[in-house]
């Protein structure tokens, strides 16, 4: 665990969102980081897809970057061992 410094403005946004969604400020920040991480890794997924992916990851034992990437690849039909441009 570490300390992450954020702006006062973002902290206020976190406080408002965490109150509205009945989460701690830290839990809200972690939720937004998960969503953002997956959105950057898989820009083709929408928020609904990402939410389902997070639920599947939790059911599979927790949040792990490698596992999330593999689940996202499977949900998009991506073959991790396929080479771009190679014929199947």
PDB file of N, CA and C in Angstrom:
ATOM      1  N   UNK A   1       0.849  -1.169   0.000  1.00  0.00           N
ATOM      2  CA  UNK A   1       0.000   0.000   0.000  1.00  0.00           C
ATOM      3  C   UNK A   1       0.897   1.235   0.000  1.00  0.00           C
ATOM      4  N   UNK A   2       0.449   2.261  -0.665  1.00  0.00           N
ATOM      5  CA  UNK A   2       1.238   3.474  -0.743  1.00  0.00           C
ATOM      6  C   UNK A   2       0.360   4.705  -0.659  1.00  0.00           C
ATOM      7  N   UNK A   3       0.988   5.831  -0.746  1.00  0.00           N
ATOM      8  CA  UNK A   3       0.275   7.111  -0.692  1.00  0.00           C
ATOM      9  C   UNK A   3       0.278   7.706  -2.093  1.00  0.00           C
ATOM     10  N   UNK A   4      -0.872   8.156  -2.530  1.00  0.00           N
ATOM     11  CA  UNK A   4      -1.009   8.806  -3.825  1.00  0.00           C
ATOM     12  C   UNK A   4      -1.458  10.241  -3.568  1.00  0.00           C
ATOM     13  N   UNK A   5      -0.722  11.193  -4.107  1.00  0.00           N
ATOM     14  CA  UNK A   5      -1.086  12.594  -3.934  1.00  0.00           C
ATOM     15  C   UNK A   5      -1.971  13.011  -5.100  1.00  0.00           C
ATOM     16  N   UNK A   6      -3.092  13.630  -4.770  1.00  0.00           N
ATOM     17  CA  UNK A   6      -4.013  14.129  -5.791  1.00  0.00           C
ATOM     18  C   UNK A   6      -4.355  15.580  -5.476  1.00  0.00           C
ATOM     19  N   UNK A   7      -4.900  16.259  -6.447  1.00  0.00           N
ATOM     20  CA  UNK A   7      -5.255  17.662  -6.265  1.00  0.00           C
ATOM     21  C   UNK A   7      -6.435  17.809  -5.303  1.00  0.00           C
ATOM     22  N   UNK A   8      -6.559  18.970  -4.740  1.00  0.00           N
ATOM     23  CA  UNK A   8      -7.692  19.261  -3.848  1.00  0.00           C
ATOM     24  C   UNK A   8      -9.018  19.118  -4.604  1.00  0.00           C
ATOM     25  N   UNK A   9      -9.015  19.537  -5.863  1.00  0.00           N
ATOM     26  CA  UNK A   9     -10.229  19.456  -6.678  1.00  0.00           C
ATOM     27  C   UNK A   9     -10.654  17.997  -6.869  1.00  0.00           C
ATOM     28  N   UNK A  10      -9.704  17.126  -7.190  1.00  0.00           N
ATOM     29  CA  UNK A  10     -10.035  15.704  -7.368  1.00  0.00           C
ATOM     30  C   UNK A  10     -10.467  15.087  -6.047  1.00  0.00           C
ATOM     31  N   UNK A  11      -9.836  15.498  -4.953  1.00  0.00           N
ATOM     32  CA  UNK A  11     -10.233  14.975  -3.639  1.00  0.00           C
ATOM     33  C   UNK A  11     -11.675  15.365  -3.329  1.00  0.00           C
ATOM     34  N   UNK A  12     -12.047  16.579  -3.670  1.00  0.00           N
ATOM     35  CA  UNK A  12     -13.431  17.012  -3.450  1.00  0.00           C
ATOM     36  C   UNK A  12     -14.391  16.203  -4.324  1.00  0.00           C
ATOM     37  N   UNK A  13     -14.008  15.947  -5.582  1.00  0.00           N
ATOM     38  CA  UNK A  13     -14.828  15.097  -6.457  1.00  0.00           C
ATOM     39  C   UNK A  13     -14.990  13.706  -5.852  1.00  0.00           C
ATOM     40  N   UNK A  14     -13.898  13.155  -5.334  1.00  0.00           N
ATOM     41  CA  UNK A  14     -13.950  11.838  -4.691  1.00  0.00           C
ATOM     42  C   UNK A  14     -14.866  11.845  -3.480  1.00  0.00           C
ATOM     43  N   UNK A  15     -14.771  12.898  -2.669  1.00  0.00           N
ATOM     44  CA  UNK A  15     -15.611  12.996  -1.479  1.00  0.00           C
ATOM     45  C   UNK A  15     -17.087  13.014  -1.845  1.00  0.00           C
ATOM     46  N   UNK A  16     -17.446  13.801  -2.841  1.00  0.00           N
ATOM     47  CA  UNK A  16     -18.843  13.900  -3.271  1.00  0.00           C
ATOM     48  C   UNK A  16     -19.333  12.565  -3.824  1.00  0.00           C
ATOM     49  N   UNK A  17     -18.537  11.963  -4.720  1.00  0.00           N
ATOM     50  CA  UNK A  17     -18.936  10.682  -5.308  1.00  0.00           C
ATOM     51  C   UNK A  17     -19.010   9.587  -4.252  1.00  0.00           C
ATOM     52  N   UNK A  18     -18.063   9.562  -3.332  1.00  0.00           N
ATOM     53  CA  UNK A  18     -18.070   8.512  -2.305  1.00  0.00           C
ATOM     54  C   UNK A  18     -19.277   8.653  -1.387  1.00  0.00           C
ATOM     55  N   UNK A  19     -19.646   9.874  -1.040  1.00  0.00           N
ATOM     56  CA  UNK A  19     -20.860  10.080  -0.230  1.00  0.00           C
ATOM     57  C   UNK A  19     -22.097   9.619  -0.997  1.00  0.00           C
ATOM     58  N   UNK A  20     -22.188   9.986  -2.254  1.00  0.00           N
ATOM     59  CA  UNK A  20     -23.362   9.647  -3.062  1.00  0.00           C
ATOM     60  C   UNK A  20     -23.501   8.150  -3.271  1.00  0.00           C
ATOM     61  N   UNK A  21     -22.377   7.447  -3.365  1.00  0.00           N
ATOM     62  CA  UNK A  21     -22.395   6.022  -3.686  1.00  0.00           C
ATOM     63  C   UNK A  21     -22.105   5.135  -2.473  1.00  0.00           C
ATOM     64  N   UNK A  22     -22.115   5.731  -1.280  1.00  0.00           N
ATOM     65  CA  UNK A  22     -21.912   5.000  -0.019  1.00  0.00           C
ATOM     66  C   UNK A  22     -20.615   4.192  -0.010  1.00  0.00           C
ATOM     67  N   UNK A  23     -19.546   4.832  -0.471  1.00  0.00           N
ATOM     68  CA  UNK A  23     -18.221   4.227  -0.451  1.00  0.00           C
ATOM     69  C   UNK A  23     -17.301   5.133   0.353  1.00  0.00           C
ATOM     70  N   UNK A  24     -16.200   4.564   0.847  1.00  0.00           N
ATOM     71  CA  UNK A  24     -15.175   5.415   1.451  1.00  0.00           C
ATOM     72  C   UNK A  24     -14.485   6.177   0.316  1.00  0.00           C
ATOM     73  N   UNK A  25     -13.780   7.229   0.673  1.00  0.00           N
ATOM     74  CA  UNK A  25     -13.046   7.990  -0.339  1.00  0.00           C
ATOM     75  C   UNK A  25     -12.019   7.086  -1.012  1.00  0.00           C
ATOM     76  N   UNK A  26     -11.323   6.281  -0.226  1.00  0.00           N
ATOM     77  CA  UNK A  26     -10.330   5.368  -0.808  1.00  0.00           C
ATOM     78  C   UNK A  26     -10.982   4.351  -1.730  1.00  0.00           C
ATOM     79  N   UNK A  27     -12.128   3.804  -1.328  1.00  0.00           N
ATOM     80  CA  UNK A  27     -12.819   2.820  -2.176  1.00  0.00           C
ATOM     81  C   UNK A  27     -13.280   3.465  -3.481  1.00  0.00           C
ATOM     82  N   UNK A  28     -13.747   4.713  -3.420  1.00  0.00           N
ATOM     83  CA  UNK A  28     -14.178   5.406  -4.631  1.00  0.00           C
ATOM     84  C   UNK A  28     -12.988   5.651  -5.557  1.00  0.00           C
ATOM     85  N   UNK A  29     -11.864   6.078  -4.983  1.00  0.00           N
ATOM     86  CA  UNK A  29     -10.665   6.319  -5.793  1.00  0.00           C
ATOM     87  C   UNK A  29     -10.212   5.016  -6.457  1.00  0.00           C
ATOM     88  N   UNK A  30     -10.213   3.921  -5.700  1.00  0.00           N
ATOM     89  CA  UNK A  30      -9.801   2.642  -6.268  1.00  0.00           C
ATOM     90  C   UNK A  30     -10.755   2.195  -7.357  1.00  0.00           C
ATOM     91  N   UNK A  31     -12.049   2.431  -7.179  1.00  0.00           N
ATOM     92  CA  UNK A  31     -13.037   2.080  -8.208  1.00  0.00           C
ATOM     93  C   UNK A  31     -12.748   2.849  -9.490  1.00  0.00           C
ATOM     94  N   UNK A  32     -12.538   4.152  -9.380  1.00  0.00           N
ATOM     95  CA  UNK A  32     -12.246   4.951 -10.560  1.00  0.00           C
ATOM     96  C   UNK A  32     -10.937   4.518 -11.212  1.00  0.00           C
ATOM     97  N   UNK A  33      -9.944   4.118 -10.417  1.00  0.00           N
ATOM     98  CA  UNK A  33      -8.683   3.661 -10.994  1.00  0.00           C
ATOM     99  C   UNK A  33      -8.872   2.353 -11.757  1.00  0.00           C
ATOM    100  N   UNK A  34      -9.687   1.446 -11.218  1.00  0.00           N
ATOM    101  CA  UNK A  34      -9.957   0.190 -11.924  1.00  0.00           C
ATOM    102  C   UNK A  34     -10.621   0.460 -13.264  1.00  0.00           C
ATOM    103  N   UNK A  35     -11.648   1.302 -13.241  1.00  0.00           N
ATOM    104  CA  UNK A  35     -12.381   1.635 -14.473  1.00  0.00           C
ATOM    105  C   UNK A  35     -11.426   2.280 -15.482  1.00  0.00           C
ATOM    106  N   UNK A  36     -10.650   3.240 -15.026  1.00  0.00           N
ATOM    107  CA  UNK A  36      -9.723   3.934 -15.916  1.00  0.00           C
ATOM    108  C   UNK A  36      -8.649   3.020 -16.471  1.00  0.00           C
ATOM    109  N   UNK A  37      -8.116   2.136 -15.626  1.00  0.00           N
ATOM    110  CA  UNK A  37      -7.088   1.202 -16.066  1.00  0.00           C
ATOM    111  C   UNK A  37      -7.631   0.312 -17.177  1.00  0.00           C
ATOM    112  N   UNK A  38      -8.818  -0.241 -16.970  1.00  0.00           N
ATOM    113  CA  UNK A  38      -9.403  -1.116 -17.986  1.00  0.00           C
ATOM    114  C   UNK A  38      -9.785  -0.350 -19.241  1.00  0.00           C
ATOM    115  N   UNK A  39     -10.264   0.875 -19.091  1.00  0.00           N
ATOM    116  CA  UNK A  39     -10.616   1.682 -20.258  1.00  0.00           C
ATOM    117  C   UNK A  39      -9.372   1.968 -21.112  1.00  0.00           C
ATOM    118  N   UNK A  40      -8.227   2.194 -20.457  1.00  0.00           N
ATOM    119  CA  UNK A  40      -6.998   2.427 -21.209  1.00  0.00           C
ATOM    120  C   UNK A  40      -6.471   1.150 -21.847  1.00  0.00           C
ATOM    121  N   UNK A  41      -6.563   0.038 -21.121  1.00  0.00           N
ATOM    122  CA  UNK A  41      -6.072  -1.235 -21.656  1.00  0.00           C
ATOM    123  C   UNK A  41      -6.952  -1.767 -22.784  1.00  0.00           C
ATOM    124  N   UNK A  42      -8.241  -1.495 -22.695  1.00  0.00           N
ATOM    125  CA  UNK A  42      -9.214  -2.030 -23.655  1.00  0.00           C
ATOM    126  C   UNK A  42     -10.194  -0.931 -24.078  1.00  0.00           C
ATOM    127  N   UNK A  43      -9.750  -0.023 -24.948  1.00  0.00           N
ATOM    128  CA  UNK A  43     -10.588   1.107 -25.334  1.00  0.00           C
ATOM    129  C   UNK A  43     -11.882   0.714 -26.042  1.00  0.00           C
ATOM    130  N   UNK A  44     -11.981  -0.518 -26.517  1.00  0.00           N
ATOM    131  CA  UNK A  44     -13.208  -0.965 -27.182  1.00  0.00           C
ATOM    132  C   UNK A  44     -14.322  -1.349 -26.219  1.00  0.00           C
ATOM    133  N   UNK A  45     -14.000  -1.456 -24.912  1.00  0.00           N
ATOM    134  CA  UNK A  45     -15.030  -1.819 -23.938  1.00  0.00           C
ATOM    135  C   UNK A  45     -15.771  -0.571 -23.472  1.00  0.00           C
ATOM    136  N   UNK A  46     -17.080  -0.688 -23.336  1.00  0.00           N
ATOM    137  CA  UNK A  46     -17.841   0.413 -22.756  1.00  0.00           C
ATOM    138  C   UNK A  46     -17.956   0.194 -21.243  1.00  0.00           C
ATOM    139  N   UNK A  47     -18.582   1.121 -20.542  1.00  0.00           N
ATOM    140  CA  UNK A  47     -18.674   1.040 -19.084  1.00  0.00           C
ATOM    141  C   UNK A  47     -19.410  -0.226 -18.646  1.00  0.00           C
ATOM    142  N   UNK A  48     -20.453  -0.600 -19.357  1.00  0.00           N
ATOM    143  CA  UNK A  48     -21.197  -1.814 -19.025  1.00  0.00           C
ATOM    144  C   UNK A  48     -20.294  -3.047 -19.142  1.00  0.00           C
ATOM    145  N   UNK A  49     -19.507  -3.120 -20.213  1.00  0.00           N
ATOM    146  CA  UNK A  49     -18.575  -4.239 -20.403  1.00  0.00           C
ATOM    147  C   UNK A  49     -17.543  -4.282 -19.279  1.00  0.00           C
ATOM    148  N   UNK A  50     -17.009  -3.123 -18.924  1.00  0.00           N
ATOM    149  CA  UNK A  50     -16.009  -3.042 -17.861  1.00  0.00           C
ATOM    150  C   UNK A  50     -16.605  -3.471 -16.525  1.00  0.00           C
ATOM    151  N   UNK A  51     -17.823  -3.044 -16.241  1.00  0.00           N
ATOM    152  CA  UNK A  51     -18.480  -3.434 -14.985  1.00  0.00           C
ATOM    153  C   UNK A  51     -18.662  -4.942 -14.915  1.00  0.00           C
ATOM    154  N   UNK A  52     -19.105  -5.544 -16.009  1.00  0.00           N
ATOM    155  CA  UNK A  52     -19.265  -7.006 -16.027  1.00  0.00           C
ATOM    156  C   UNK A  52     -17.916  -7.709 -15.884  1.00  0.00           C
ATOM    157  N   UNK A  53     -16.903  -7.149 -16.502  1.00  0.00           N
ATOM    158  CA  UNK A  53     -15.560  -7.707 -16.396  1.00  0.00           C
ATOM    159  C   UNK A  53     -15.078  -7.678 -14.945  1.00  0.00           C
ATOM    160  N   UNK A  54     -15.311  -6.575 -14.241  1.00  0.00           N
ATOM    161  CA  UNK A  54     -14.916  -6.472 -12.841  1.00  0.00           C
ATOM    162  C   UNK A  54     -15.665  -7.470 -11.966  1.00  0.00           C
ATOM    163  N   UNK A  55     -16.933  -7.681 -12.257  1.00  0.00           N
ATOM    164  CA  UNK A  55     -17.714  -8.665 -11.489  1.00  0.00           C
ATOM    165  C   UNK A  55     -17.172 -10.064 -11.735  1.00  0.00           C
ATOM    166  N   UNK A  56     -16.885 -10.399 -13.001  1.00  0.00           N
ATOM    167  CA  UNK A  56     -16.328 -11.725 -13.301  1.00  0.00           C
ATOM    168  C   UNK A  56     -14.977 -11.917 -12.624  1.00  0.00           C
ATOM    169  N   UNK A  57     -14.164 -10.872 -12.606  1.00  0.00           N
ATOM    170  CA  UNK A  57     -12.852 -10.958 -11.964  1.00  0.00           C
ATOM    171  C   UNK A  57     -13.016 -11.195 -10.460  1.00  0.00           C
ATOM    172  N   UNK A  58     -13.947 -10.517  -9.847  1.00  0.00           N
ATOM    173  CA  UNK A  58     -14.186 -10.694  -8.413  1.00  0.00           C
ATOM    174  C   UNK A  58     -14.665 -12.108  -8.117  1.00  0.00           C
ATOM    175  N   UNK A  59     -15.547 -12.622  -8.948  1.00  0.00           N
ATOM    176  CA  UNK A  59     -16.040 -13.988  -8.761  1.00  0.00           C
ATOM    177  C   UNK A  59     -14.923 -15.013  -8.961  1.00  0.00           C
ATOM    178  N   UNK A  60     -13.932 -14.659  -9.761  1.00  0.00           N
ATOM    179  CA  UNK A  60     -12.821 -15.568 -10.031  1.00  0.00           C
ATOM    180  C   UNK A  60     -11.710 -15.458  -8.980  1.00  0.00           C
ATOM    181  N   UNK A  61     -11.930 -14.650  -7.957  1.00  0.00           N
ATOM    182  CA  UNK A  61     -10.960 -14.605  -6.866  1.00  0.00           C
ATOM    183  C   UNK A  61     -10.309 -13.269  -6.591  1.00  0.00           C
ATOM    184  N   UNK A  62     -10.680 -12.248  -7.310  1.00  0.00           N
ATOM    185  CA  UNK A  62     -10.134 -10.932  -7.006  1.00  0.00           C
ATOM    186  C   UNK A  62      -9.586 -10.223  -8.221  1.00  0.00           C
ATOM    187  N   UNK A  63      -9.161  -9.014  -7.975  1.00  0.00           N
ATOM    188  CA  UNK A  63      -8.708  -8.131  -9.037  1.00  0.00           C
ATOM    189  C   UNK A  63      -7.211  -8.306  -9.264  1.00  0.00           C
ATOM    190  N   UNK A  64      -6.848  -8.757 -10.428  1.00  0.00           N
ATOM    191  CA  UNK A  64      -5.461  -8.983 -10.790  1.00  0.00           C
ATOM    192  C   UNK A  64      -5.290  -8.482 -12.219  1.00  0.00           C
ATOM    193  N   UNK A  65      -4.276  -7.659 -12.467  1.00  0.00           N
ATOM    194  CA  UNK A  65      -4.101  -7.040 -13.779  1.00  0.00           C
ATOM    195  C   UNK A  65      -4.004  -8.078 -14.889  1.00  0.00           C
ATOM    196  N   UNK A  66      -3.216  -9.133 -14.668  1.00  0.00           N
ATOM    197  CA  UNK A  66      -3.075 -10.172 -15.689  1.00  0.00           C
ATOM    198  C   UNK A  66      -4.418 -10.851 -15.947  1.00  0.00           C
ATOM    199  N   UNK A  67      -5.112 -11.185 -14.863  1.00  0.00           N
ATOM    200  CA  UNK A  67      -6.418 -11.851 -14.987  1.00  0.00           C
ATOM    201  C   UNK A  67      -7.419 -10.941 -15.698  1.00  0.00           C
ATOM    202  N   UNK A  68      -7.442  -9.655 -15.332  1.00  0.00           N
ATOM    203  CA  UNK A  68      -8.372  -8.722 -15.974  1.00  0.00           C
ATOM    204  C   UNK A  68      -8.091  -8.599 -17.462  1.00  0.00           C
ATOM    205  N   UNK A  69      -6.816  -8.572 -17.819  1.00  0.00           N
ATOM    206  CA  UNK A  69      -6.462  -8.480 -19.233  1.00  0.00           C
ATOM    207  C   UNK A  69      -6.929  -9.716 -19.989  1.00  0.00           C
ATOM    208  N   UNK A  70      -6.717 -10.885 -19.397  1.00  0.00           N
ATOM    209  CA  UNK A  70      -7.147 -12.119 -20.046  1.00  0.00           C
ATOM    210  C   UNK A  70      -8.665 -12.189 -20.172  1.00  0.00           C
ATOM    211  N   UNK A  71      -9.387 -11.790 -19.123  1.00  0.00           N
ATOM    212  CA  UNK A  71     -10.848 -11.802 -19.180  1.00  0.00           C
ATOM    213  C   UNK A  71     -11.357 -10.835 -20.243  1.00  0.00           C
ATOM    214  N   UNK A  72     -10.737  -9.658 -20.323  1.00  0.00           N
ATOM    215  CA  UNK A  72     -11.147  -8.686 -21.333  1.00  0.00           C
ATOM    216  C   UNK A  72     -10.868  -9.219 -22.725  1.00  0.00           C
ATOM    217  N   UNK A  73      -9.709  -9.864 -22.902  1.00  0.00           N
ATOM    218  CA  UNK A  73      -9.379 -10.437 -24.205  1.00  0.00           C
ATOM    219  C   UNK A  73     -10.395 -11.498 -24.594  1.00  0.00           C
ATOM    220  N   UNK A  74     -10.763 -12.342 -23.645  1.00  0.00           N
ATOM    221  CA  UNK A  74     -11.758 -13.385 -23.931  1.00  0.00           C
ATOM    222  C   UNK A  74     -13.105 -12.777 -24.288  1.00  0.00           C
ATOM    223  N   UNK A  75     -13.490 -11.728 -23.568  1.00  0.00           N
ATOM    224  CA  UNK A  75     -14.802 -11.127 -23.830  1.00  0.00           C
ATOM    225  C   UNK A  75     -14.845 -10.439 -25.193  1.00  0.00           C
ATOM    226  N   UNK A  76     -13.676 -10.068 -25.719  1.00  0.00           N
ATOM    227  CA  UNK A  76     -13.607  -9.414 -27.035  1.00  0.00           C
ATOM    228  C   UNK A  76     -13.252 -10.395 -28.134  1.00  0.00           C
ATOM    229  N   UNK A  77     -13.078 -11.671 -27.783  1.00  0.00           N
ATOM    230  CA  UNK A  77     -12.725 -12.660 -28.787  1.00  0.00           C
ATOM    231  C   UNK A  77     -11.277 -12.600 -29.210  1.00  0.00           C
ATOM    232  N   UNK A  78     -10.441 -11.948 -28.413  1.00  0.00           N
ATOM    233  CA  UNK A  78      -9.016 -11.812 -28.725  1.00  0.00           C
ATOM    234  C   UNK A  78      -8.301 -13.114 -28.412  1.00  0.00           C
ATOM    235  N   UNK A  79      -7.424 -13.530 -29.328  1.00  0.00           N
ATOM    236  CA  UNK A  79      -6.614 -14.725 -29.112  1.00  0.00           C
ATOM    237  C   UNK A  79      -5.219 -14.264 -28.725  1.00  0.00           C
ATOM    238  N   UNK A  80      -4.833 -14.407 -27.420  1.00  0.00           N
ATOM    239  CA  UNK A  80      -3.579 -13.845 -26.959  1.00  0.00           C
ATOM    240  C   UNK A  80      -2.341 -14.357 -27.684  1.00  0.00           C
ATOM    241  N   UNK A  81      -2.371 -15.544 -28.253  1.00  0.00           N
ATOM    242  CA  UNK A  81      -1.199 -16.074 -28.923  1.00  0.00           C
ATOM    243  C   UNK A  81      -1.202 -15.775 -30.424  1.00  0.00           C
ATOM    244  N   UNK A  82      -2.253 -15.162 -30.907  1.00  0.00           N
ATOM    245  CA  UNK A  82      -2.327 -14.842 -32.335  1.00  0.00           C
ATOM    246  C   UNK A  82      -1.436 -13.635 -32.619  1.00  0.00           C
ATOM    247  N   UNK A  83      -0.796 -13.653 -33.750  1.00  0.00           N
ATOM    248  CA  UNK A  83       0.069 -12.543 -34.151  1.00  0.00           C
ATOM    249  C   UNK A  83      -0.720 -11.676 -35.118  1.00  0.00           C
ATOM    250  N   UNK A  84      -0.608 -10.374 -34.935  1.00  0.00           N
ATOM    251  CA  UNK A  84      -1.331  -9.446 -35.814  1.00  0.00           C
ATOM    252  C   UNK A  84      -0.928  -9.698 -37.263  1.00  0.00           C
ATOM    253  N   UNK A  85      -1.885  -9.847 -38.110  1.00  0.00           N
ATOM    254  CA  UNK A  85      -1.651 -10.062 -39.531  1.00  0.00           C
ATOM    255  C   UNK A  85      -1.463 -11.505 -39.919  1.00  0.00           C
ATOM    256  N   UNK A  86      -1.333 -12.379 -38.923  1.00  0.00           N
ATOM    257  CA  UNK A  86      -1.150 -13.809 -39.231  1.00  0.00           C
ATOM    258  C   UNK A  86      -2.498 -14.430 -39.597  1.00  0.00           C
ATOM    259  N   UNK A  87      -2.467 -15.406 -40.463  1.00  0.00           N
ATOM    260  CA  UNK A  87      -3.697 -16.083 -40.859  1.00  0.00           C
ATOM    261  C   UNK A  87      -3.972 -17.223 -39.886  1.00  0.00           C
ATOM    262  N   UNK A  88      -5.257 -17.402 -39.521  1.00  0.00           N
ATOM    263  CA  UNK A  88      -5.608 -18.469 -38.592  1.00  0.00           C
ATOM    264  C   UNK A  88      -5.982 -19.726 -39.334  1.00  0.00           C
TER     265      UNK A  88
END
